[in-house]
Amino acid sequence: FGRVTEFKYGAELGNAFRGNNPIKYLVNF
């Protein structure tokens, strides 16, 4: 009945750009 705030998005994007998870894996984000 509505959209939902996807909190995993910012957490994983931060992880990637901080270098904890190579950004090459964002290909299917």
mmCIF file of all heavy atoms, coordinates in Angstrom:
data_MODEL
# 
_entry.id   MODEL 
# 
loop_
_atom_site.group_PDB 
_atom_site.id 
_atom_site.type_symbol 
_atom_site.label_atom_id 
_atom_site.label_alt_id 
_atom_site.label_comp_id 
_atom_site.label_asym_id 
_atom_site.label_entity_id 
_atom_site.label_seq_id 
_atom_site.pdbx_PDB_ins_code 
_atom_site.Cartn_x 
_atom_site.Cartn_y 
_atom_site.Cartn_z 
_atom_site.occupancy 
_atom_site.B_iso_or_equiv 
_atom_site.pdbx_formal_charge 
_atom_site.auth_seq_id 
_atom_site.auth_comp_id 
_atom_site.auth_asym_id 
_atom_site.auth_atom_id 
_atom_site.pdbx_PDB_model_num 
ATOM 1   N N   . PHE A 1 1  ? 0.814  -1.224 0.000   1.00 0.00 ? 1  PHE A N   1 
ATOM 2   C CA  . PHE A 1 1  ? 0.000  0.000  0.000   1.00 0.00 ? 1  PHE A CA  1 
ATOM 3   C C   . PHE A 1 1  ? 0.847  1.273  0.000   1.00 0.00 ? 1  PHE A C   1 
ATOM 4   O O   . PHE A 1 1  ? 0.360  2.357  0.298   1.00 0.00 ? 1  PHE A O   1 
ATOM 5   C CB  . PHE A 1 1  ? -0.964 -0.005 1.193   1.00 0.00 ? 1  PHE A CB  1 
ATOM 6   C CG  . PHE A 1 1  ? -0.370 -0.561 2.459   1.00 0.00 ? 1  PHE A CG  1 
ATOM 7   C CD1 . PHE A 1 1  ? 0.321  0.260  3.341   1.00 0.00 ? 1  PHE A CD1 1 
ATOM 8   C CD2 . PHE A 1 1  ? -0.479 -1.914 2.755   1.00 0.00 ? 1  PHE A CD2 1 
ATOM 9   C CE1 . PHE A 1 1  ? 0.882  -0.260 4.494   1.00 0.00 ? 1  PHE A CE1 1 
ATOM 10  C CE2 . PHE A 1 1  ? 0.082  -2.440 3.914   1.00 0.00 ? 1  PHE A CE2 1 
ATOM 11  C CZ  . PHE A 1 1  ? 0.769  -1.607 4.789   1.00 0.00 ? 1  PHE A CZ  1 
ATOM 12  N N   . GLY A 1 2  ? 2.127  1.139  -0.352  1.00 0.00 ? 2  GLY A N   1 
ATOM 13  C CA  . GLY A 1 2  ? 2.998  2.305  -0.449  1.00 0.00 ? 2  GLY A CA  1 
ATOM 14  C C   . GLY A 1 2  ? 4.437  1.858  -0.611  1.00 0.00 ? 2  GLY A C   1 
ATOM 15  O O   . GLY A 1 2  ? 4.746  0.668  -0.536  1.00 0.00 ? 2  GLY A O   1 
ATOM 16  N N   . ARG A 1 3  ? 5.316  2.809  -0.858  1.00 0.00 ? 3  ARG A N   1 
ATOM 17  C CA  . ARG A 1 3  ? 6.743  2.490  -0.909  1.00 0.00 ? 3  ARG A CA  1 
ATOM 18  C C   . ARG A 1 3  ? 7.298  2.406  0.512   1.00 0.00 ? 3  ARG A C   1 
ATOM 19  O O   . ARG A 1 3  ? 6.673  2.864  1.460   1.00 0.00 ? 3  ARG A O   1 
ATOM 20  C CB  . ARG A 1 3  ? 7.512  3.543  -1.713  1.00 0.00 ? 3  ARG A CB  1 
ATOM 21  C CG  . ARG A 1 3  ? 7.259  3.486  -3.201  1.00 0.00 ? 3  ARG A CG  1 
ATOM 22  C CD  . ARG A 1 3  ? 8.259  4.311  -3.970  1.00 0.00 ? 3  ARG A CD  1 
ATOM 23  N NE  . ARG A 1 3  ? 7.914  4.386  -5.383  1.00 0.00 ? 3  ARG A NE  1 
ATOM 24  C CZ  . ARG A 1 3  ? 8.718  4.044  -6.382  1.00 0.00 ? 3  ARG A CZ  1 
ATOM 25  N NH1 . ARG A 1 3  ? 9.947  3.603  -6.124  1.00 0.00 ? 3  ARG A NH1 1 
ATOM 26  N NH2 . ARG A 1 3  ? 8.340  4.163  -7.637  1.00 0.00 ? 3  ARG A NH2 1 
ATOM 27  N N   . VAL A 1 4  ? 8.504  1.861  0.598   1.00 0.00 ? 4  VAL A N   1 
ATOM 28  C CA  . VAL A 1 4  ? 9.174  1.682  1.882   1.00 0.00 ? 4  VAL A CA  1 
ATOM 29  C C   . VAL A 1 4  ? 10.601 2.218  1.763   1.00 0.00 ? 4  VAL A C   1 
ATOM 30  O O   . VAL A 1 4  ? 11.252 2.060  0.721   1.00 0.00 ? 4  VAL A O   1 
ATOM 31  C CB  . VAL A 1 4  ? 9.178  0.187  2.293   1.00 0.00 ? 4  VAL A CB  1 
ATOM 32  C CG1 . VAL A 1 4  ? 10.139 -0.066 3.452   1.00 0.00 ? 4  VAL A CG1 1 
ATOM 33  C CG2 . VAL A 1 4  ? 7.765  -0.261 2.657   1.00 0.00 ? 4  VAL A CG2 1 
ATOM 34  N N   . THR A 1 5  ? 11.073 2.868  2.818   1.00 0.00 ? 5  THR A N   1 
ATOM 35  C CA  . THR A 1 5  ? 12.450 3.366  2.851   1.00 0.00 ? 5  THR A CA  1 
ATOM 36  C C   . THR A 1 5  ? 13.414 2.188  2.922   1.00 0.00 ? 5  THR A C   1 
ATOM 37  O O   . THR A 1 5  ? 13.389 1.424  3.883   1.00 0.00 ? 5  THR A O   1 
ATOM 38  C CB  . THR A 1 5  ? 12.657 4.282  4.073   1.00 0.00 ? 5  THR A CB  1 
ATOM 39  O OG1 . THR A 1 5  ? 12.204 3.595  5.249   1.00 0.00 ? 5  THR A OG1 1 
ATOM 40  C CG2 . THR A 1 5  ? 11.867 5.575  3.926   1.00 0.00 ? 5  THR A CG2 1 
ATOM 41  N N   . GLU A 1 6  ? 14.259 2.042  1.898   1.00 0.00 ? 6  GLU A N   1 
ATOM 42  C CA  . GLU A 1 6  ? 15.191 0.911  1.828   1.00 0.00 ? 6  GLU A CA  1 
ATOM 43  C C   . GLU A 1 6  ? 16.510 1.303  2.502   1.00 0.00 ? 6  GLU A C   1 
ATOM 44  O O   . GLU A 1 6  ? 17.405 1.873  1.886   1.00 0.00 ? 6  GLU A O   1 
ATOM 45  C CB  . GLU A 1 6  ? 15.410 0.507  0.360   1.00 0.00 ? 6  GLU A CB  1 
ATOM 46  C CG  . GLU A 1 6  ? 16.359 -0.663 0.154   1.00 0.00 ? 6  GLU A CG  1 
ATOM 47  C CD  . GLU A 1 6  ? 16.050 -1.882 1.006   1.00 0.00 ? 6  GLU A CD  1 
ATOM 48  O OE1 . GLU A 1 6  ? 16.485 -1.893 2.186   1.00 0.00 ? 6  GLU A OE1 1 
ATOM 49  O OE2 . GLU A 1 6  ? 15.408 -2.826 0.500   1.00 0.00 ? 6  GLU A OE2 1 
ATOM 50  N N   . PHE A 1 7  ? 16.595 1.001  3.802   1.00 0.00 ? 7  PHE A N   1 
ATOM 51  C CA  . PHE A 1 7  ? 17.767 1.405  4.585   1.00 0.00 ? 7  PHE A CA  1 
ATOM 52  C C   . PHE A 1 7  ? 19.035 0.635  4.215   1.00 0.00 ? 7  PHE A C   1 
ATOM 53  O O   . PHE A 1 7  ? 20.147 1.111  4.456   1.00 0.00 ? 7  PHE A O   1 
ATOM 54  C CB  . PHE A 1 7  ? 17.479 1.262  6.085   1.00 0.00 ? 7  PHE A CB  1 
ATOM 55  C CG  . PHE A 1 7  ? 16.750 2.432  6.673   1.00 0.00 ? 7  PHE A CG  1 
ATOM 56  C CD1 . PHE A 1 7  ? 15.368 2.512  6.616   1.00 0.00 ? 7  PHE A CD1 1 
ATOM 57  C CD2 . PHE A 1 7  ? 17.444 3.473  7.267   1.00 0.00 ? 7  PHE A CD2 1 
ATOM 58  C CE1 . PHE A 1 7  ? 14.694 3.605  7.149   1.00 0.00 ? 7  PHE A CE1 1 
ATOM 59  C CE2 . PHE A 1 7  ? 16.781 4.566  7.799   1.00 0.00 ? 7  PHE A CE2 1 
ATOM 60  C CZ  . PHE A 1 7  ? 15.394 4.634  7.735   1.00 0.00 ? 7  PHE A CZ  1 
ATOM 61  N N   . LYS A 1 8  ? 18.869 -0.558 3.630   1.00 0.00 ? 8  LYS A N   1 
ATOM 62  C CA  . LYS A 1 8  ? 20.061 -1.304 3.218   1.00 0.00 ? 8  LYS A CA  1 
ATOM 63  C C   . LYS A 1 8  ? 20.810 -0.557 2.107   1.00 0.00 ? 8  LYS A C   1 
ATOM 64  O O   . LYS A 1 8  ? 22.016 -0.721 1.951   1.00 0.00 ? 8  LYS A O   1 
ATOM 65  C CB  . LYS A 1 8  ? 19.660 -2.709 2.739   1.00 0.00 ? 8  LYS A CB  1 
ATOM 66  C CG  . LYS A 1 8  ? 19.152 -3.620 3.856   1.00 0.00 ? 8  LYS A CG  1 
ATOM 67  C CD  . LYS A 1 8  ? 18.994 -5.047 3.405   1.00 0.00 ? 8  LYS A CD  1 
ATOM 68  C CE  . LYS A 1 8  ? 17.790 -5.287 2.529   1.00 0.00 ? 8  LYS A CE  1 
ATOM 69  N NZ  . LYS A 1 8  ? 16.507 -5.264 3.275   1.00 0.00 ? 8  LYS A NZ  1 
ATOM 70  N N   . TYR A 1 9  ? 20.101 0.277  1.361   1.00 0.00 ? 9  TYR A N   1 
ATOM 71  C CA  . TYR A 1 9  ? 20.688 0.977  0.207   1.00 0.00 ? 9  TYR A CA  1 
ATOM 72  C C   . TYR A 1 9  ? 21.843 1.882  0.639   1.00 0.00 ? 9  TYR A C   1 
ATOM 73  O O   . TYR A 1 9  ? 22.971 1.753  0.162   1.00 0.00 ? 9  TYR A O   1 
ATOM 74  C CB  . TYR A 1 9  ? 19.590 1.788  -0.489  1.00 0.00 ? 9  TYR A CB  1 
ATOM 75  C CG  . TYR A 1 9  ? 20.008 2.440  -1.779  1.00 0.00 ? 9  TYR A CG  1 
ATOM 76  C CD1 . TYR A 1 9  ? 19.803 1.798  -2.998  1.00 0.00 ? 9  TYR A CD1 1 
ATOM 77  C CD2 . TYR A 1 9  ? 20.586 3.703  -1.796  1.00 0.00 ? 9  TYR A CD2 1 
ATOM 78  C CE1 . TYR A 1 9  ? 20.179 2.394  -4.194  1.00 0.00 ? 9  TYR A CE1 1 
ATOM 79  C CE2 . TYR A 1 9  ? 20.969 4.307  -2.991  1.00 0.00 ? 9  TYR A CE2 1 
ATOM 80  C CZ  . TYR A 1 9  ? 20.760 3.648  -4.181  1.00 0.00 ? 9  TYR A CZ  1 
ATOM 81  O OH  . TYR A 1 9  ? 21.140 4.239  -5.358  1.00 0.00 ? 9  TYR A OH  1 
ATOM 82  N N   . GLY A 1 10 ? 21.582 2.811  1.538   1.00 0.00 ? 10 GLY A N   1 
ATOM 83  C CA  . GLY A 1 10 ? 22.621 3.746  1.971   1.00 0.00 ? 10 GLY A CA  1 
ATOM 84  C C   . GLY A 1 10 ? 23.737 3.053  2.727   1.00 0.00 ? 10 GLY A C   1 
ATOM 85  O O   . GLY A 1 10 ? 24.912 3.427  2.610   1.00 0.00 ? 10 GLY A O   1 
ATOM 86  N N   . ALA A 1 11 ? 23.376 2.022  3.511   1.00 0.00 ? 11 ALA A N   1 
ATOM 87  C CA  . ALA A 1 11 ? 24.389 1.295  4.273   1.00 0.00 ? 11 ALA A CA  1 
ATOM 88  C C   . ALA A 1 11 ? 25.363 0.587  3.335   1.00 0.00 ? 11 ALA A C   1 
ATOM 89  O O   . ALA A 1 11 ? 26.591 0.660  3.516   1.00 0.00 ? 11 ALA A O   1 
ATOM 90  C CB  . ALA A 1 11 ? 23.718 0.293  5.212   1.00 0.00 ? 11 ALA A CB  1 
ATOM 91  N N   . GLU A 1 12 ? 24.846 -0.078 2.313   1.00 0.00 ? 12 GLU A N   1 
ATOM 92  C CA  . GLU A 1 12 ? 25.714 -0.822 1.398   1.00 0.00 ? 12 GLU A CA  1 
ATOM 93  C C   . GLU A 1 12 ? 26.466 0.108  0.445   1.00 0.00 ? 12 GLU A C   1 
ATOM 94  O O   . GLU A 1 12 ? 27.615 -0.158 0.079   1.00 0.00 ? 12 GLU A O   1 
ATOM 95  C CB  . GLU A 1 12 ? 24.892 -1.850 0.608   1.00 0.00 ? 12 GLU A CB  1 
ATOM 96  C CG  . GLU A 1 12 ? 24.323 -2.974 1.456   1.00 0.00 ? 12 GLU A CG  1 
ATOM 97  C CD  . GLU A 1 12 ? 25.395 -3.892 2.037   1.00 0.00 ? 12 GLU A CD  1 
ATOM 98  O OE1 . GLU A 1 12 ? 26.600 -3.686 1.767   1.00 0.00 ? 12 GLU A OE1 1 
ATOM 99  O OE2 . GLU A 1 12 ? 25.027 -4.824 2.774   1.00 0.00 ? 12 GLU A OE2 1 
ATOM 100 N N   . LEU A 1 13 ? 25.826 1.211  0.045   1.00 0.00 ? 13 LEU A N   1 
ATOM 101 C CA  . LEU A 1 13 ? 26.516 2.165  -0.821  1.00 0.00 ? 13 LEU A CA  1 
ATOM 102 C C   . LEU A 1 13 ? 27.680 2.811  -0.063  1.00 0.00 ? 13 LEU A C   1 
ATOM 103 O O   . LEU A 1 13 ? 28.778 2.994  -0.608  1.00 0.00 ? 13 LEU A O   1 
ATOM 104 C CB  . LEU A 1 13 ? 25.524 3.227  -1.301  1.00 0.00 ? 13 LEU A CB  1 
ATOM 105 C CG  . LEU A 1 13 ? 25.763 3.876  -2.661  1.00 0.00 ? 13 LEU A CG  1 
ATOM 106 C CD1 . LEU A 1 13 ? 25.966 2.826  -3.743  1.00 0.00 ? 13 LEU A CD1 1 
ATOM 107 C CD2 . LEU A 1 13 ? 24.610 4.788  -3.018  1.00 0.00 ? 13 LEU A CD2 1 
ATOM 108 N N   . GLY A 1 14 ? 27.448 3.126  1.206   1.00 0.00 ? 14 GLY A N   1 
ATOM 109 C CA  . GLY A 1 14 ? 28.524 3.661  2.035   1.00 0.00 ? 14 GLY A CA  1 
ATOM 110 C C   . GLY A 1 14 ? 29.658 2.673  2.205   1.00 0.00 ? 14 GLY A C   1 
ATOM 111 O O   . GLY A 1 14 ? 30.841 3.026  2.102   1.00 0.00 ? 14 GLY A O   1 
ATOM 112 N N   . ASN A 1 15 ? 29.297 1.412  2.442   1.00 0.00 ? 15 ASN A N   1 
ATOM 113 C CA  . ASN A 1 15 ? 30.306 0.355  2.554   1.00 0.00 ? 15 ASN A CA  1 
ATOM 114 C C   . ASN A 1 15 ? 31.175 0.286  1.309   1.00 0.00 ? 15 ASN A C   1 
ATOM 115 O O   . ASN A 1 15 ? 32.403 0.155  1.389   1.00 0.00 ? 15 ASN A O   1 
ATOM 116 C CB  . ASN A 1 15 ? 29.597 -1.000 2.728   1.00 0.00 ? 15 ASN A CB  1 
ATOM 117 C CG  . ASN A 1 15 ? 29.869 -1.609 4.079   1.00 0.00 ? 15 ASN A CG  1 
ATOM 118 O OD1 . ASN A 1 15 ? 30.818 -1.237 4.763   1.00 0.00 ? 15 ASN A OD1 1 
ATOM 119 N ND2 . ASN A 1 15 ? 29.031 -2.546 4.459   1.00 0.00 ? 15 ASN A ND2 1 
ATOM 120 N N   . ALA A 1 16 ? 30.530 0.381  0.150   1.00 0.00 ? 16 ALA A N   1 
ATOM 121 C CA  . ALA A 1 16 ? 31.256 0.254  -1.110  1.00 0.00 ? 16 ALA A CA  1 
ATOM 122 C C   . ALA A 1 16 ? 32.209 1.427  -1.329  1.00 0.00 ? 16 ALA A C   1 
ATOM 123 O O   . ALA A 1 16 ? 33.404 1.228  -1.580  1.00 0.00 ? 16 ALA A O   1 
ATOM 124 C CB  . ALA A 1 16 ? 30.268 0.136  -2.265  1.00 0.00 ? 16 ALA A CB  1 
ATOM 125 N N   . PHE A 1 17 ? 31.691 2.643  -1.219  1.00 0.00 ? 17 PHE A N   1 
ATOM 126 C CA  . PHE A 1 17 ? 32.536 3.799  -1.510  1.00 0.00 ? 17 PHE A CA  1 
ATOM 127 C C   . PHE A 1 17 ? 33.583 4.042  -0.424  1.00 0.00 ? 17 PHE A C   1 
ATOM 128 O O   . PHE A 1 17 ? 34.603 4.698  -0.676  1.00 0.00 ? 17 PHE A O   1 
ATOM 129 C CB  . PHE A 1 17 ? 31.691 5.040  -1.782  1.00 0.00 ? 17 PHE A CB  1 
ATOM 130 C CG  . PHE A 1 17 ? 31.111 5.054  -3.177  1.00 0.00 ? 17 PHE A CG  1 
ATOM 131 C CD1 . PHE A 1 17 ? 29.782 4.737  -3.393  1.00 0.00 ? 17 PHE A CD1 1 
ATOM 132 C CD2 . PHE A 1 17 ? 31.917 5.351  -4.265  1.00 0.00 ? 17 PHE A CD2 1 
ATOM 133 C CE1 . PHE A 1 17 ? 29.260 4.723  -4.688  1.00 0.00 ? 17 PHE A CE1 1 
ATOM 134 C CE2 . PHE A 1 17 ? 31.409 5.341  -5.562  1.00 0.00 ? 17 PHE A CE2 1 
ATOM 135 C CZ  . PHE A 1 17 ? 30.077 5.023  -5.778  1.00 0.00 ? 17 PHE A CZ  1 
ATOM 136 N N   . ARG A 1 18 ? 33.373 3.501  0.766   1.00 0.00 ? 18 ARG A N   1 
ATOM 137 C CA  . ARG A 1 18 ? 34.411 3.576  1.797   1.00 0.00 ? 18 ARG A CA  1 
ATOM 138 C C   . ARG A 1 18 ? 35.527 2.567  1.555   1.00 0.00 ? 18 ARG A C   1 
ATOM 139 O O   . ARG A 1 18 ? 36.514 2.527  2.288   1.00 0.00 ? 18 ARG A O   1 
ATOM 140 C CB  . ARG A 1 18 ? 33.799 3.340  3.187   1.00 0.00 ? 18 ARG A CB  1 
ATOM 141 C CG  . ARG A 1 18 ? 32.983 4.514  3.718   1.00 0.00 ? 18 ARG A CG  1 
ATOM 142 C CD  . ARG A 1 18 ? 32.507 4.241  5.130   1.00 0.00 ? 18 ARG A CD  1 
ATOM 143 N NE  . ARG A 1 18 ? 31.644 5.293  5.649   1.00 0.00 ? 18 ARG A NE  1 
ATOM 144 C CZ  . ARG A 1 18 ? 32.073 6.422  6.216   1.00 0.00 ? 18 ARG A CZ  1 
ATOM 145 N NH1 . ARG A 1 18 ? 33.379 6.635  6.335   1.00 0.00 ? 18 ARG A NH1 1 
ATOM 146 N NH2 . ARG A 1 18 ? 31.214 7.319  6.660   1.00 0.00 ? 18 ARG A NH2 1 
ATOM 147 N N   . GLY A 1 19 ? 35.354 1.716  0.545   1.00 0.00 ? 19 GLY A N   1 
ATOM 148 C CA  . GLY A 1 19 ? 36.397 0.766  0.199   1.00 0.00 ? 19 GLY A CA  1 
ATOM 149 C C   . GLY A 1 19 ? 36.274 -0.573 0.866   1.00 0.00 ? 19 GLY A C   1 
ATOM 150 O O   . GLY A 1 19 ? 37.167 -1.419 0.737   1.00 0.00 ? 19 GLY A O   1 
ATOM 151 N N   . ASN A 1 20 ? 35.176 -0.806 1.579   1.00 0.00 ? 20 ASN A N   1 
ATOM 152 C CA  . ASN A 1 20 ? 35.000 -2.084 2.278   1.00 0.00 ? 20 ASN A CA  1 
ATOM 153 C C   . ASN A 1 20 ? 34.477 -3.187 1.368   1.00 0.00 ? 20 ASN A C   1 
ATOM 154 O O   . ASN A 1 20 ? 34.462 -4.358 1.746   1.00 0.00 ? 20 ASN A O   1 
ATOM 155 C CB  . ASN A 1 20 ? 34.038 -1.902 3.452   1.00 0.00 ? 20 ASN A CB  1 
ATOM 156 C CG  . ASN A 1 20 ? 34.534 -0.867 4.445   1.00 0.00 ? 20 ASN A CG  1 
ATOM 157 O OD1 . ASN A 1 20 ? 35.736 -0.733 4.651   1.00 0.00 ? 20 ASN A OD1 1 
ATOM 158 N ND2 . ASN A 1 20 ? 33.618 -0.130 5.053   1.00 0.00 ? 20 ASN A ND2 1 
ATOM 159 N N   . ASN A 1 21 ? 33.999 -2.805 0.187   1.00 0.00 ? 21 ASN A N   1 
ATOM 160 C CA  . ASN A 1 21 ? 33.405 -3.754 -0.753  1.00 0.00 ? 21 ASN A CA  1 
ATOM 161 C C   . ASN A 1 21 ? 33.580 -3.137 -2.132  1.00 0.00 ? 21 ASN A C   1 
ATOM 162 O O   . ASN A 1 21 ? 32.980 -2.094 -2.403  1.00 0.00 ? 21 ASN A O   1 
ATOM 163 C CB  . ASN A 1 21 ? 31.919 -3.960 -0.429  1.00 0.00 ? 21 ASN A CB  1 
ATOM 164 C CG  . ASN A 1 21 ? 31.317 -5.144 -1.150  1.00 0.00 ? 21 ASN A CG  1 
ATOM 165 O OD1 . ASN A 1 21 ? 32.035 -5.943 -1.746  1.00 0.00 ? 21 ASN A OD1 1 
ATOM 166 N ND2 . ASN A 1 21 ? 30.006 -5.259 -1.115  1.00 0.00 ? 21 ASN A ND2 1 
ATOM 167 N N   . PRO A 1 22 ? 34.400 -3.687 -3.014  1.00 0.00 ? 22 PRO A N   1 
ATOM 168 C CA  . PRO A 1 22 ? 34.711 -3.023 -4.285  1.00 0.00 ? 22 PRO A CA  1 
ATOM 169 C C   . PRO A 1 22 ? 33.464 -2.567 -5.043  1.00 0.00 ? 22 PRO A C   1 
ATOM 170 O O   . PRO A 1 22 ? 32.477 -3.306 -5.143  1.00 0.00 ? 22 PRO A O   1 
ATOM 171 C CB  . PRO A 1 22 ? 35.461 -4.113 -5.061  1.00 0.00 ? 22 PRO A CB  1 
ATOM 172 C CG  . PRO A 1 22 ? 36.110 -4.938 -4.007  1.00 0.00 ? 22 PRO A CG  1 
ATOM 173 C CD  . PRO A 1 22 ? 35.117 -4.972 -2.877  1.00 0.00 ? 22 PRO A CD  1 
ATOM 174 N N   . ILE A 1 23 ? 33.514 -1.336 -5.575  1.00 0.00 ? 23 ILE A N   1 
ATOM 175 C CA  . ILE A 1 23 ? 32.328 -0.791 -6.255  1.00 0.00 ? 23 ILE A CA  1 
ATOM 176 C C   . ILE A 1 23 ? 32.036 -1.512 -7.570  1.00 0.00 ? 23 ILE A C   1 
ATOM 177 O O   . ILE A 1 23 ? 30.968 -1.322 -8.146  1.00 0.00 ? 23 ILE A O   1 
ATOM 178 C CB  . ILE A 1 23 ? 32.421 0.731  -6.472  1.00 0.00 ? 23 ILE A CB  1 
ATOM 179 C CG1 . ILE A 1 23 ? 33.576 1.102  -7.406  1.00 0.00 ? 23 ILE A CG1 1 
ATOM 180 C CG2 . ILE A 1 23 ? 32.537 1.468  -5.145  1.00 0.00 ? 23 ILE A CG2 1 
ATOM 181 C CD1 . ILE A 1 23 ? 33.588 2.596  -7.782  1.00 0.00 ? 23 ILE A CD1 1 
ATOM 182 N N   . LYS A 1 24 ? 32.932 -2.379 -8.017  1.00 0.00 ? 24 LYS A N   1 
ATOM 183 C CA  . LYS A 1 24 ? 32.624 -3.173 -9.222  1.00 0.00 ? 24 LYS A CA  1 
ATOM 184 C C   . LYS A 1 24 ? 31.369 -4.026 -8.999  1.00 0.00 ? 24 LYS A C   1 
ATOM 185 O O   . LYS A 1 24 ? 30.658 -4.352 -9.943  1.00 0.00 ? 24 LYS A O   1 
ATOM 186 C CB  . LYS A 1 24 ? 33.803 -4.083 -9.587  1.00 0.00 ? 24 LYS A CB  1 
ATOM 187 C CG  . LYS A 1 24 ? 34.063 -5.212 -8.583  1.00 0.00 ? 24 LYS A CG  1 
ATOM 188 C CD  . LYS A 1 24 ? 35.132 -6.163 -9.083  1.00 0.00 ? 24 LYS A CD  1 
ATOM 189 C CE  . LYS A 1 24 ? 35.327 -7.346 -8.126  1.00 0.00 ? 24 LYS A CE  1 
ATOM 190 N NZ  . LYS A 1 24 ? 36.304 -8.313 -8.631  1.00 0.00 ? 24 LYS A NZ  1 
ATOM 191 N N   . TYR A 1 25 ? 31.104 -4.361 -7.730  1.00 0.00 ? 25 TYR A N   1 
ATOM 192 C CA  . TYR A 1 25 ? 29.944 -5.203 -7.430  1.00 0.00 ? 25 TYR A CA  1 
ATOM 193 C C   . TYR A 1 25 ? 28.616 -4.447 -7.504  1.00 0.00 ? 25 TYR A C   1 
ATOM 194 O O   . TYR A 1 25 ? 27.548 -5.055 -7.386  1.00 0.00 ? 25 TYR A O   1 
ATOM 195 C CB  . TYR A 1 25 ? 30.101 -5.849 -6.053  1.00 0.00 ? 25 TYR A CB  1 
ATOM 196 C CG  . TYR A 1 25 ? 31.215 -6.866 -5.978  1.00 0.00 ? 25 TYR A CG  1 
ATOM 197 C CD1 . TYR A 1 25 ? 32.204 -6.764 -5.008  1.00 0.00 ? 25 TYR A CD1 1 
ATOM 198 C CD2 . TYR A 1 25 ? 31.281 -7.929 -6.874  1.00 0.00 ? 25 TYR A CD2 1 
ATOM 199 C CE1 . TYR A 1 25 ? 33.236 -7.688 -4.930  1.00 0.00 ? 25 TYR A CE1 1 
ATOM 200 C CE2 . TYR A 1 25 ? 32.310 -8.859 -6.808  1.00 0.00 ? 25 TYR A CE2 1 
ATOM 201 C CZ  . TYR A 1 25 ? 33.278 -8.728 -5.837  1.00 0.00 ? 25 TYR A CZ  1 
ATOM 202 O OH  . TYR A 1 25 ? 34.298 -9.651 -5.772  1.00 0.00 ? 25 TYR A OH  1 
ATOM 203 N N   . LEU A 1 26 ? 28.673 -3.137 -7.699  1.00 0.00 ? 26 LEU A N   1 
ATOM 204 C CA  . LEU A 1 26 ? 27.436 -2.361 -7.814  1.00 0.00 ? 26 LEU A CA  1 
ATOM 205 C C   . LEU A 1 26 ? 26.737 -2.588 -9.153  1.00 0.00 ? 26 LEU A C   1 
ATOM 206 O O   . LEU A 1 26 ? 25.680 -2.015 -9.412  1.00 0.00 ? 26 LEU A O   1 
ATOM 207 C CB  . LEU A 1 26 ? 27.731 -0.862 -7.643  1.00 0.00 ? 26 LEU A CB  1 
ATOM 208 C CG  . LEU A 1 26 ? 28.304 -0.436 -6.282  1.00 0.00 ? 26 LEU A CG  1 
ATOM 209 C CD1 . LEU A 1 26 ? 28.618 1.057  -6.287  1.00 0.00 ? 26 LEU A CD1 1 
ATOM 210 C CD2 . LEU A 1 26 ? 27.335 -0.762 -5.150  1.00 0.00 ? 26 LEU A CD2 1 
ATOM 211 N N   . VAL A 1 27 ? 27.296 -3.429 -10.004 1.00 0.00 ? 27 VAL A N   1 
ATOM 212 C CA  . VAL A 1 27 ? 26.739 -3.679 -11.334 1.00 0.00 ? 27 VAL A CA  1 
ATOM 213 C C   . VAL A 1 27 ? 25.274 -4.125 -11.273 1.00 0.00 ? 27 VAL A C   1 
ATOM 214 O O   . VAL A 1 27 ? 24.492 -3.822 -12.175 1.00 0.00 ? 27 VAL A O   1 
ATOM 215 C CB  . VAL A 1 27 ? 27.607 -4.706 -12.104 1.00 0.00 ? 27 VAL A CB  1 
ATOM 216 C CG1 . VAL A 1 27 ? 27.635 -6.063 -11.397 1.00 0.00 ? 27 VAL A CG1 1 
ATOM 217 C CG2 . VAL A 1 27 ? 27.133 -4.844 -13.544 1.00 0.00 ? 27 VAL A CG2 1 
ATOM 218 N N   . ASN A 1 28 ? 24.884 -4.823 -10.227 1.00 0.00 ? 28 ASN A N   1 
ATOM 219 C CA  . ASN A 1 28 ? 23.476 -5.255 -10.095 1.00 0.00 ? 28 ASN A CA  1 
ATOM 220 C C   . ASN A 1 28 ? 22.862 -4.724 -8.802  1.00 0.00 ? 28 ASN A C   1 
ATOM 221 O O   . ASN A 1 28 ? 22.046 -5.387 -8.158  1.00 0.00 ? 28 ASN A O   1 
ATOM 222 C CB  . ASN A 1 28 ? 23.377 -6.778 -10.154 1.00 0.00 ? 28 ASN A CB  1 
ATOM 223 C CG  . ASN A 1 28 ? 24.047 -7.454 -8.960  1.00 0.00 ? 28 ASN A CG  1 
ATOM 224 O OD1 . ASN A 1 28 ? 24.907 -6.876 -8.306  1.00 0.00 ? 28 ASN A OD1 1 
ATOM 225 N ND2 . ASN A 1 28 ? 23.650 -8.691 -8.684  1.00 0.00 ? 28 ASN A ND2 1 
ATOM 226 N N   . PHE A 1 29 ? 23.248 -3.516 -8.423  1.00 0.00 ? 29 PHE A N   1 
ATOM 227 C CA  . PHE A 1 29 ? 22.799 -2.938 -7.147  1.00 0.00 ? 29 PHE A CA  1 
ATOM 228 C C   . PHE A 1 29 ? 21.282 -2.803 -7.130  1.00 0.00 ? 29 PHE A C   1 
ATOM 229 O O   . PHE A 1 29 ? 20.666 -2.429 -8.126  1.00 0.00 ? 29 PHE A O   1 
ATOM 230 C CB  . PHE A 1 29 ? 23.442 -1.560 -6.961  1.00 0.00 ? 29 PHE A CB  1 
ATOM 231 C CG  . PHE A 1 29 ? 23.460 -1.077 -5.534  1.00 0.00 ? 29 PHE A CG  1 
ATOM 232 C CD1 . PHE A 1 29 ? 24.074 -1.814 -4.546  1.00 0.00 ? 29 PHE A CD1 1 
ATOM 233 C CD2 . PHE A 1 29 ? 22.867 0.119  -5.185  1.00 0.00 ? 29 PHE A CD2 1 
ATOM 234 C CE1 . PHE A 1 29 ? 24.116 -1.370 -3.231  1.00 0.00 ? 29 PHE A CE1 1 
ATOM 235 C CE2 . PHE A 1 29 ? 22.897 0.580  -3.877  1.00 0.00 ? 29 PHE A CE2 1 
ATOM 236 C CZ  . PHE A 1 29 ? 23.518 -0.172 -2.893  1.00 0.00 ? 29 PHE A CZ  1 
# 
